[in-house]
């Protein structure tokens, strides 16, 4: 996203609770150019548990086919963690 530390990792927001956040992003944050519309591409807002499962399965199946899979996991490791 903005800080470019997420390597095309989908963000799944489950449930109605996230509706207000998404509306706030669109009405308050984006007009101030603190968040771009294209940053929303990785956000998936779903309402049903089956949609979450279907989305995870689809993403998992497609992920190895993409070129932009984050492979630099050592960058995010806590010192002493192996």
N, C-alpha and C. Protein backbone atom coordinates (compact mmCIF):
# COMPACT_ATOMS: atom_id res chain seq x y z
N UNK A 1 0.83 -1.17 0.00
CA UNK A 1 0.00 0.00 0.00
C UNK A 1 0.89 1.25 0.00
N UNK A 2 0.54 2.23 0.76
CA UNK A 2 1.24 3.50 0.76
C UNK A 2 2.72 3.37 1.05
N UNK A 3 3.08 2.58 2.03
CA UNK A 3 4.49 2.47 2.39
C UNK A 3 5.21 1.43 1.56
N UNK A 4 4.49 0.75 0.72
CA UNK A 4 5.01 -0.25 -0.21
C UNK A 4 5.77 -1.37 0.49
N UNK A 5 5.30 -1.75 1.67
CA UNK A 5 5.88 -2.87 2.39
C UNK A 5 5.03 -4.12 2.22
N UNK A 6 3.85 -3.97 1.67
CA UNK A 6 2.99 -5.12 1.41
C UNK A 6 3.19 -5.55 -0.03
N UNK A 7 3.62 -6.75 -0.20
CA UNK A 7 3.93 -7.25 -1.54
C UNK A 7 2.69 -7.86 -2.18
N UNK A 8 1.84 -7.00 -2.67
CA UNK A 8 0.60 -7.44 -3.30
C UNK A 8 -0.14 -8.47 -2.46
N UNK A 9 -0.27 -8.16 -1.19
CA UNK A 9 -0.97 -9.02 -0.26
C UNK A 9 -2.40 -8.54 -0.15
N UNK A 10 -3.36 -9.40 -0.44
CA UNK A 10 -4.76 -8.97 -0.34
C UNK A 10 -5.16 -8.73 1.11
N UNK A 11 -5.98 -7.73 1.29
CA UNK A 11 -6.52 -7.42 2.61
C UNK A 11 -8.00 -7.75 2.56
N UNK A 12 -8.41 -8.72 3.36
CA UNK A 12 -9.81 -9.15 3.36
C UNK A 12 -10.48 -8.57 4.61
N UNK A 13 -11.48 -7.74 4.37
CA UNK A 13 -12.26 -7.15 5.45
C UNK A 13 -13.59 -7.88 5.49
N UNK A 14 -13.85 -8.56 6.59
CA UNK A 14 -15.06 -9.38 6.71
C UNK A 14 -16.09 -8.70 7.60
N UNK A 15 -17.26 -8.49 7.04
CA UNK A 15 -18.39 -8.02 7.83
C UNK A 15 -18.71 -6.55 7.66
N UNK A 16 -19.86 -6.22 8.16
CA UNK A 16 -20.41 -4.87 8.07
C UNK A 16 -19.57 -3.84 8.82
N UNK A 17 -18.84 -4.29 9.83
CA UNK A 17 -18.05 -3.38 10.67
C UNK A 17 -17.09 -2.52 9.85
N UNK A 18 -16.64 -3.00 8.69
CA UNK A 18 -15.65 -2.29 7.88
C UNK A 18 -16.26 -1.28 6.92
N UNK A 19 -17.56 -1.27 6.76
CA UNK A 19 -18.22 -0.38 5.82
C UNK A 19 -17.90 1.09 6.11
N UNK A 20 -17.96 1.47 7.37
CA UNK A 20 -17.69 2.86 7.75
C UNK A 20 -16.24 3.25 7.47
N UNK A 21 -15.32 2.33 7.70
CA UNK A 21 -13.91 2.62 7.41
C UNK A 21 -13.71 2.87 5.93
N UNK A 22 -14.29 2.04 5.09
CA UNK A 22 -14.14 2.20 3.64
C UNK A 22 -14.78 3.50 3.16
N UNK A 23 -15.93 3.83 3.72
CA UNK A 23 -16.59 5.09 3.37
C UNK A 23 -15.72 6.27 3.80
N UNK A 24 -15.14 6.20 4.98
CA UNK A 24 -14.25 7.26 5.48
C UNK A 24 -13.03 7.41 4.57
N UNK A 25 -12.45 6.29 4.14
CA UNK A 25 -11.30 6.36 3.22
C UNK A 25 -11.68 7.11 1.94
N UNK A 26 -12.85 6.79 1.41
CA UNK A 26 -13.29 7.40 0.15
C UNK A 26 -13.70 8.87 0.30
N UNK A 27 -14.32 9.22 1.41
CA UNK A 27 -14.86 10.58 1.55
C UNK A 27 -13.93 11.56 2.25
N UNK A 28 -13.05 11.07 3.10
CA UNK A 28 -12.18 11.96 3.88
C UNK A 28 -10.70 11.84 3.52
N UNK A 29 -10.23 10.63 3.39
CA UNK A 29 -8.80 10.42 3.20
C UNK A 29 -8.37 10.60 1.74
N UNK A 30 -9.09 10.00 0.82
CA UNK A 30 -8.73 10.12 -0.60
C UNK A 30 -8.78 11.56 -1.11
N UNK A 31 -9.80 12.35 -0.77
CA UNK A 31 -9.80 13.74 -1.23
C UNK A 31 -8.59 14.55 -0.75
N UNK A 32 -8.00 14.14 0.35
CA UNK A 32 -6.81 14.82 0.87
C UNK A 32 -5.52 14.24 0.30
N UNK A 33 -5.70 13.30 -0.61
CA UNK A 33 -4.57 12.64 -1.29
C UNK A 33 -3.63 11.92 -0.33
N UNK A 34 -4.20 11.40 0.75
CA UNK A 34 -3.42 10.62 1.71
C UNK A 34 -3.52 9.13 1.40
N UNK A 35 -4.43 8.79 0.52
CA UNK A 35 -4.68 7.40 0.12
C UNK A 35 -5.23 7.47 -1.29
N UNK A 36 -4.66 6.71 -2.18
CA UNK A 36 -5.06 6.76 -3.60
C UNK A 36 -6.09 5.67 -3.92
N UNK A 37 -6.90 5.93 -4.91
CA UNK A 37 -7.90 4.94 -5.34
C UNK A 37 -7.23 3.62 -5.70
N UNK A 38 -6.07 3.67 -6.37
CA UNK A 38 -5.42 2.41 -6.77
C UNK A 38 -4.92 1.61 -5.56
N UNK A 39 -4.81 2.26 -4.40
CA UNK A 39 -4.45 1.52 -3.19
C UNK A 39 -5.58 0.61 -2.71
N UNK A 40 -6.77 0.86 -3.21
CA UNK A 40 -7.93 0.07 -2.81
C UNK A 40 -8.00 -1.28 -3.53
N UNK A 41 -7.17 -1.46 -4.56
CA UNK A 41 -7.27 -2.69 -5.36
C UNK A 41 -7.04 -3.95 -4.53
N UNK A 42 -6.27 -3.86 -3.48
CA UNK A 42 -5.94 -5.04 -2.69
C UNK A 42 -6.93 -5.28 -1.55
N UNK A 43 -7.91 -4.38 -1.41
CA UNK A 43 -8.89 -4.52 -0.32
C UNK A 43 -10.14 -5.21 -0.85
N UNK A 44 -10.52 -6.28 -0.16
CA UNK A 44 -11.72 -7.03 -0.52
C UNK A 44 -12.66 -6.98 0.68
N UNK A 45 -13.83 -6.40 0.47
CA UNK A 45 -14.82 -6.30 1.54
C UNK A 45 -15.92 -7.32 1.26
N UNK A 46 -16.03 -8.33 2.11
CA UNK A 46 -17.02 -9.39 1.91
C UNK A 46 -17.89 -9.54 3.15
N UNK A 47 -19.09 -10.05 2.94
CA UNK A 47 -20.07 -10.14 4.02
C UNK A 47 -20.34 -11.57 4.50
N UNK A 48 -20.01 -12.54 3.70
CA UNK A 48 -20.33 -13.93 4.04
C UNK A 48 -19.06 -14.75 4.27
N UNK A 49 -19.07 -15.64 5.27
CA UNK A 49 -17.90 -16.48 5.51
C UNK A 49 -17.49 -17.28 4.27
N UNK A 50 -18.47 -17.73 3.51
CA UNK A 50 -18.15 -18.50 2.30
C UNK A 50 -17.39 -17.65 1.28
N UNK A 51 -17.67 -16.35 1.25
CA UNK A 51 -16.95 -15.45 0.35
C UNK A 51 -15.48 -15.32 0.77
N UNK A 52 -15.25 -15.30 2.08
CA UNK A 52 -13.87 -15.24 2.59
C UNK A 52 -13.11 -16.48 2.16
N UNK A 53 -13.71 -17.64 2.38
CA UNK A 53 -13.07 -18.91 2.04
C UNK A 53 -12.82 -18.99 0.54
N UNK A 54 -13.81 -18.65 -0.27
CA UNK A 54 -13.66 -18.69 -1.73
C UNK A 54 -12.55 -17.76 -2.20
N UNK A 55 -12.48 -16.60 -1.61
CA UNK A 55 -11.46 -15.62 -1.98
C UNK A 55 -10.06 -16.11 -1.61
N UNK A 56 -9.92 -16.66 -0.43
CA UNK A 56 -8.61 -17.19 -0.01
C UNK A 56 -8.18 -18.34 -0.91
N UNK A 57 -9.08 -19.22 -1.23
CA UNK A 57 -8.75 -20.35 -2.12
C UNK A 57 -8.33 -19.83 -3.49
N UNK A 58 -9.09 -18.89 -4.04
CA UNK A 58 -8.77 -18.34 -5.36
C UNK A 58 -7.40 -17.64 -5.34
N UNK A 59 -7.15 -16.84 -4.34
CA UNK A 59 -5.88 -16.12 -4.24
C UNK A 59 -4.72 -17.10 -4.08
N UNK A 60 -4.92 -18.11 -3.26
CA UNK A 60 -3.87 -19.10 -3.03
C UNK A 60 -3.53 -19.86 -4.32
N UNK A 61 -4.55 -20.21 -5.09
CA UNK A 61 -4.32 -20.92 -6.36
C UNK A 61 -3.60 -20.05 -7.38
N UNK A 62 -3.93 -18.77 -7.43
CA UNK A 62 -3.36 -17.86 -8.41
C UNK A 62 -1.99 -17.32 -8.03
N UNK A 63 -1.71 -17.27 -6.76
CA UNK A 63 -0.50 -16.62 -6.27
C UNK A 63 0.80 -17.13 -6.91
N UNK A 64 1.01 -18.43 -7.02
CA UNK A 64 2.27 -18.89 -7.62
C UNK A 64 2.43 -18.47 -9.08
N UNK A 65 1.35 -18.12 -9.75
CA UNK A 65 1.40 -17.73 -11.15
C UNK A 65 1.79 -16.27 -11.34
N UNK A 66 1.73 -15.49 -10.28
CA UNK A 66 2.03 -14.07 -10.41
C UNK A 66 3.52 -13.82 -10.28
N UNK A 67 3.96 -12.75 -10.89
CA UNK A 67 5.38 -12.40 -10.84
C UNK A 67 5.75 -11.64 -9.59
N UNK A 68 4.79 -11.01 -8.94
CA UNK A 68 5.10 -10.10 -7.83
C UNK A 68 4.86 -10.71 -6.46
N UNK A 69 5.20 -11.96 -6.31
CA UNK A 69 5.05 -12.59 -5.00
C UNK A 69 6.20 -12.14 -4.12
N UNK A 70 5.90 -11.70 -2.93
CA UNK A 70 6.95 -11.22 -2.02
C UNK A 70 7.78 -12.41 -1.57
N UNK A 71 9.04 -12.37 -1.86
CA UNK A 71 9.93 -13.46 -1.49
C UNK A 71 10.95 -13.02 -0.45
N UNK A 72 10.96 -11.77 -0.09
CA UNK A 72 11.95 -11.25 0.84
C UNK A 72 11.38 -11.27 2.27
N UNK A 73 11.02 -12.45 2.75
CA UNK A 73 10.42 -12.55 4.07
C UNK A 73 11.42 -12.23 5.17
N UNK A 74 12.72 -12.39 4.91
CA UNK A 74 13.72 -12.10 5.94
C UNK A 74 13.68 -10.63 6.35
N UNK A 75 13.22 -9.79 5.46
CA UNK A 75 13.11 -8.36 5.73
C UNK A 75 12.16 -8.08 6.90
N UNK A 76 11.20 -8.97 7.12
CA UNK A 76 10.18 -8.75 8.14
C UNK A 76 10.39 -9.59 9.39
N UNK A 77 11.42 -10.40 9.44
CA UNK A 77 11.65 -11.27 10.58
C UNK A 77 12.15 -10.48 11.79
N UNK A 78 11.74 -10.95 12.96
CA UNK A 78 12.22 -10.38 14.20
C UNK A 78 13.58 -11.01 14.47
N UNK A 79 14.52 -10.22 14.95
CA UNK A 79 15.88 -10.72 15.21
C UNK A 79 15.80 -11.94 16.14
N UNK A 80 16.50 -13.00 15.77
CA UNK A 80 16.51 -14.22 16.55
C UNK A 80 15.43 -15.22 16.14
N UNK A 81 14.56 -14.82 15.24
CA UNK A 81 13.48 -15.70 14.77
C UNK A 81 13.94 -16.42 13.53
N UNK A 82 13.85 -17.73 13.52
CA UNK A 82 14.21 -18.53 12.33
C UNK A 82 13.16 -19.51 11.99
